[in-house]
Protein backbone atom coordinates (compact mmCIF):
# COMPACT_ATOMS: atom_id res chain seq x y z
CA MET A 1 14.49 -5.66 0.53
CA ARG A 2 11.54 -7.33 1.73
CA LYS A 3 12.85 -10.58 3.80
CA LEU A 4 10.64 -13.07 5.43
CA GLY A 5 11.00 -13.00 9.42
CA ILE A 6 10.15 -14.84 12.36
CA MET A 7 7.64 -13.66 15.33
CA LYS A 8 9.20 -14.44 18.97
CA ASN A 9 8.34 -12.90 22.38
CA VAL A 10 4.71 -12.04 21.70
CA SER A 11 2.83 -9.57 24.14
CA PHE A 12 0.01 -7.48 23.51
CA GLY A 13 -0.25 -4.23 26.71
CA CYS A 14 1.68 -1.55 27.31
CA ARG A 15 5.08 -2.12 27.54
CA ASP A 16 7.39 1.22 28.45
CA THR A 17 4.47 3.10 27.14
CA ASN A 18 1.12 4.49 27.99
CA TYR A 19 -0.53 3.02 25.34
CA VAL A 20 -1.49 -0.54 24.14
CA HIS A 21 0.98 -2.12 21.71
CA LEU A 22 1.22 -5.57 20.22
CA TRP A 23 5.03 -5.85 20.21
CA PHE A 24 7.02 -8.95 18.75
CA ASP A 25 10.70 -9.35 17.96
CA VAL A 26 11.69 -10.39 14.27
CA TYR A 27 14.37 -12.69 13.57
CA THR A 28 15.48 -12.78 9.67
CA ASP A 29 18.49 -14.88 10.42
CA GLU A 30 20.25 -16.37 13.43
CA SER A 31 22.41 -13.04 13.66
CA ARG A 32 19.65 -10.09 13.23
CA SER A 33 16.53 -9.52 15.16
CA SER A 34 14.36 -6.09 15.79
CA LEU A 35 11.40 -4.92 18.67
CA GLN A 36 8.33 -4.05 16.78
CA ARG A 37 5.59 -2.56 18.13
CA LEU A 38 2.53 -1.87 16.49
CA PRO A 39 -0.53 0.19 18.32
CA ALA A 40 -3.25 -1.38 19.07
CA THR A 41 -5.77 0.23 15.90
CA GLU A 42 -2.83 -1.56 13.49
CA ALA A 43 -2.36 -4.90 15.49
CA ILE A 44 -6.18 -5.38 16.09
CA ALA A 45 -6.52 -4.49 12.17
CA VAL A 46 -3.50 -7.31 11.24
CA LEU A 47 -5.49 -9.83 13.75
CA GLU A 48 -8.84 -9.67 12.47
CA LYS A 49 -7.42 -9.80 8.60
CA HIS A 50 -5.94 -13.03 9.58
CA GLY A 51 -8.39 -14.53 12.17
CA VAL A 52 -6.06 -14.68 15.11
CA SER A 53 -8.04 -14.73 17.94
CA ASN A 54 -5.32 -15.95 20.71
CA ILE A 55 -2.20 -13.63 20.60
CA LYS A 56 0.44 -16.21 21.63
CA SER A 57 -0.53 -18.37 18.25
CA LEU A 58 1.48 -16.03 16.47
CA GLU A 59 4.43 -17.24 18.25
CA GLY A 60 7.07 -18.55 15.84
CA LYS A 61 4.64 -17.94 12.99
CA SER A 62 6.10 -15.94 9.88
CA CYS A 63 5.97 -12.51 8.89
CA TRP A 64 7.14 -10.26 6.24
CA VAL A 65 9.05 -7.15 6.82
CA GLU A 66 10.89 -4.46 5.05
CA GLU A 67 14.71 -4.28 5.88
CA ASP A 68 17.61 -2.09 5.01
CA ASP A 69 21.32 -2.25 6.62
CA TYR A 70 20.12 -0.26 9.78
CA SER A 71 16.73 -0.68 10.22
CA MET A 72 13.79 -3.35 10.13
CA LYS A 73 10.05 -2.81 9.82
CA PHE A 74 7.16 -5.23 9.51
CA ILE A 75 4.47 -5.09 6.78
CA ASP A 76 2.20 -8.38 7.39
CA LEU A 77 1.90 -11.65 8.41
CA ALA A 78 3.15 -14.51 5.62
CA LYS A 79 0.72 -16.86 4.58
CA ILE A 80 2.92 -20.16 3.82
């Protein structure tokens, strides 16, 4: 099911891997969240598409996710 989520704890760089990622938590309600990681190439495409020049400006922004009982996957930033 496609749901609207809120992005929090947004960062860009190497976290626990040797690869650069954009990572953030997505909250779809008060009791459900998921850590999302986008590879650098995918992240840059999303940032360019939406004209984002400062990663920290994504803090608190809305995004679309595909969610089921066991997983959540980032789709795109929401235009609200």
